[in-house]
N, C-alpha and C. Protein backbone atom coordinates (compact mmCIF):
# COMPACT_ATOMS: atom_id res chain seq x y z
N UNK A 1 53.70 129.37 -168.23
CA UNK A 1 53.78 128.53 -167.68
C UNK A 1 55.33 128.11 -167.06
N UNK A 2 55.26 127.99 -165.69
CA UNK A 2 56.80 128.16 -164.97
C UNK A 2 56.97 126.73 -164.51
N UNK A 3 58.03 125.90 -164.82
CA UNK A 3 58.54 124.73 -164.16
C UNK A 3 59.49 124.64 -163.54
N UNK A 4 59.83 124.25 -162.51
CA UNK A 4 61.03 124.22 -161.56
C UNK A 4 61.59 123.20 -161.87
N UNK A 5 62.81 123.09 -162.25
CA UNK A 5 63.48 122.16 -162.92
C UNK A 5 64.49 121.37 -161.76
N UNK A 6 65.08 122.14 -160.64
CA UNK A 6 65.72 121.19 -159.67
C UNK A 6 65.41 122.13 -158.23
N UNK A 7 65.06 121.36 -157.26
CA UNK A 7 64.95 121.93 -155.87
C UNK A 7 65.92 122.81 -155.33
N UNK A 8 65.73 123.15 -154.73
CA UNK A 8 66.57 124.47 -153.94
C UNK A 8 68.04 123.50 -153.73
N UNK A 9 68.77 124.11 -154.07
CA UNK A 9 70.48 122.99 -153.62
C UNK A 9 70.97 123.51 -152.34
N UNK A 10 71.91 122.85 -151.97
CA UNK A 10 72.49 123.22 -151.10
C UNK A 10 73.17 124.24 -150.95
N UNK A 11 73.74 124.91 -152.30
CA UNK A 11 74.10 126.07 -152.85
C UNK A 11 73.16 127.22 -152.07
N UNK A 12 71.78 127.32 -151.73
CA UNK A 12 70.98 127.90 -151.82
C UNK A 12 70.32 128.77 -152.85
N UNK A 13 70.56 127.73 -154.04
CA UNK A 13 70.20 128.27 -155.33
C UNK A 13 68.97 127.38 -156.01
N UNK A 14 68.18 128.09 -156.60
CA UNK A 14 67.01 127.38 -157.37
C UNK A 14 66.99 127.63 -159.19
N UNK A 15 66.60 126.43 -159.77
CA UNK A 15 66.93 126.87 -161.06
C UNK A 15 65.32 126.60 -161.68
N UNK A 16 65.15 127.50 -162.48
CA UNK A 16 63.82 127.70 -162.98
C UNK A 16 63.66 127.81 -164.49
N UNK A 17 62.74 126.97 -165.16
CA UNK A 17 62.48 127.38 -166.69
C UNK A 17 61.06 127.74 -167.00
N UNK A 18 61.36 129.04 -167.69
CA UNK A 18 59.94 129.54 -168.33
C UNK A 18 60.14 129.78 -169.81
N UNK A 19 59.40 128.65 -170.52
CA UNK A 19 59.71 128.49 -172.08
C UNK A 19 61.45 128.42 -171.95
N UNK A 20 61.78 128.77 -173.04
CA UNK A 20 62.85 128.48 -173.21
C UNK A 20 64.29 129.28 -172.45
N UNK A 21 63.50 130.60 -171.48
CA UNK A 21 64.38 130.95 -170.71
C UNK A 21 64.73 130.03 -169.25
N UNK A 22 65.99 130.03 -168.94
CA UNK A 22 66.55 129.67 -167.68
C UNK A 22 67.23 130.54 -166.78
N UNK A 23 66.24 130.61 -165.70
CA UNK A 23 66.71 131.38 -164.72
C UNK A 23 67.37 130.89 -163.22
N UNK A 24 68.38 131.25 -162.74
CA UNK A 24 68.90 130.88 -161.54
C UNK A 24 68.57 131.66 -160.51
N UNK A 25 68.14 131.65 -159.26
CA UNK A 25 67.83 132.50 -158.28
C UNK A 25 68.64 132.06 -157.30
N UNK A 26 69.58 132.67 -156.60
CA UNK A 26 70.34 132.43 -155.74
C UNK A 26 69.85 133.34 -154.28
N UNK A 27 70.24 132.95 -153.14
CA UNK A 27 69.64 133.49 -151.93
C UNK A 27 70.31 135.14 -151.89
N UNK A 28 69.04 136.00 -151.46
CA UNK A 28 69.08 137.22 -151.26
C UNK A 28 68.85 138.12 -152.58
N UNK A 29 68.09 137.39 -153.51
CA UNK A 29 67.42 137.97 -154.90
C UNK A 29 66.53 138.73 -154.33
N UNK A 30 66.40 139.53 -155.57
CA UNK A 30 65.35 140.93 -155.40
C UNK A 30 63.59 139.96 -156.05
N UNK A 31 62.92 139.87 -155.00
CA UNK A 31 61.59 139.34 -155.46
C UNK A 31 61.04 140.09 -155.95
N UNK A 32 60.83 141.38 -155.92
CA UNK A 32 60.05 142.38 -156.85
C UNK A 32 60.72 142.03 -158.36
N UNK A 33 62.04 142.03 -158.60
CA UNK A 33 62.55 141.77 -159.91
C UNK A 33 62.27 140.51 -160.46
N UNK A 34 62.14 139.41 -159.46
CA UNK A 34 61.59 138.13 -160.20
C UNK A 34 60.67 138.00 -160.57
N UNK A 35 59.54 138.43 -159.73
CA UNK A 35 58.34 138.87 -160.41
C UNK A 35 58.02 139.40 -161.33
N UNK A 36 58.77 140.37 -161.54
CA UNK A 36 58.24 141.04 -162.92
C UNK A 36 58.93 140.20 -164.34
N UNK A 37 60.22 139.54 -163.64
CA UNK A 37 60.75 138.81 -164.81
C UNK A 37 59.73 137.65 -165.22
N UNK A 38 59.10 136.87 -164.22
CA UNK A 38 58.25 135.84 -164.66
C UNK A 38 56.92 135.99 -165.14
N UNK A 39 56.48 137.45 -165.02
CA UNK A 39 55.43 137.76 -165.42
C UNK A 39 55.35 138.08 -166.85
N UNK A 40 56.96 138.87 -167.49
CA UNK A 40 57.16 139.30 -168.63
C UNK A 40 57.45 137.86 -169.23
N UNK A 41 58.05 137.06 -168.69
CA UNK A 41 58.43 135.60 -169.46
C UNK A 41 57.10 135.14 -170.12
N UNK A 42 56.29 134.93 -168.87
CA UNK A 42 54.99 134.18 -168.88
C UNK A 42 54.01 134.53 -170.01
N UNK A 43 54.31 136.14 -170.29
CA UNK A 43 53.33 136.67 -171.15
C UNK A 43 53.92 136.37 -172.75
N UNK A 44 55.28 136.17 -172.64
CA UNK A 44 55.87 136.14 -174.12
C UNK A 44 55.53 134.74 -174.93
N UNK A 45 54.69 134.08 -174.32
CA UNK A 45 54.49 132.81 -174.84
C UNK A 45 53.28 133.03 -176.04
């Protein structure tokens, strides 16, 4: 399960928690890489 811990900040970043993992996404991120990461972490539980 994915939980957004903070809404988009004025800095253009987003903080996401997936289980014990904490991921910070910034402007210009690689969408495909983020999708793979979320799928991998989501299946790790």
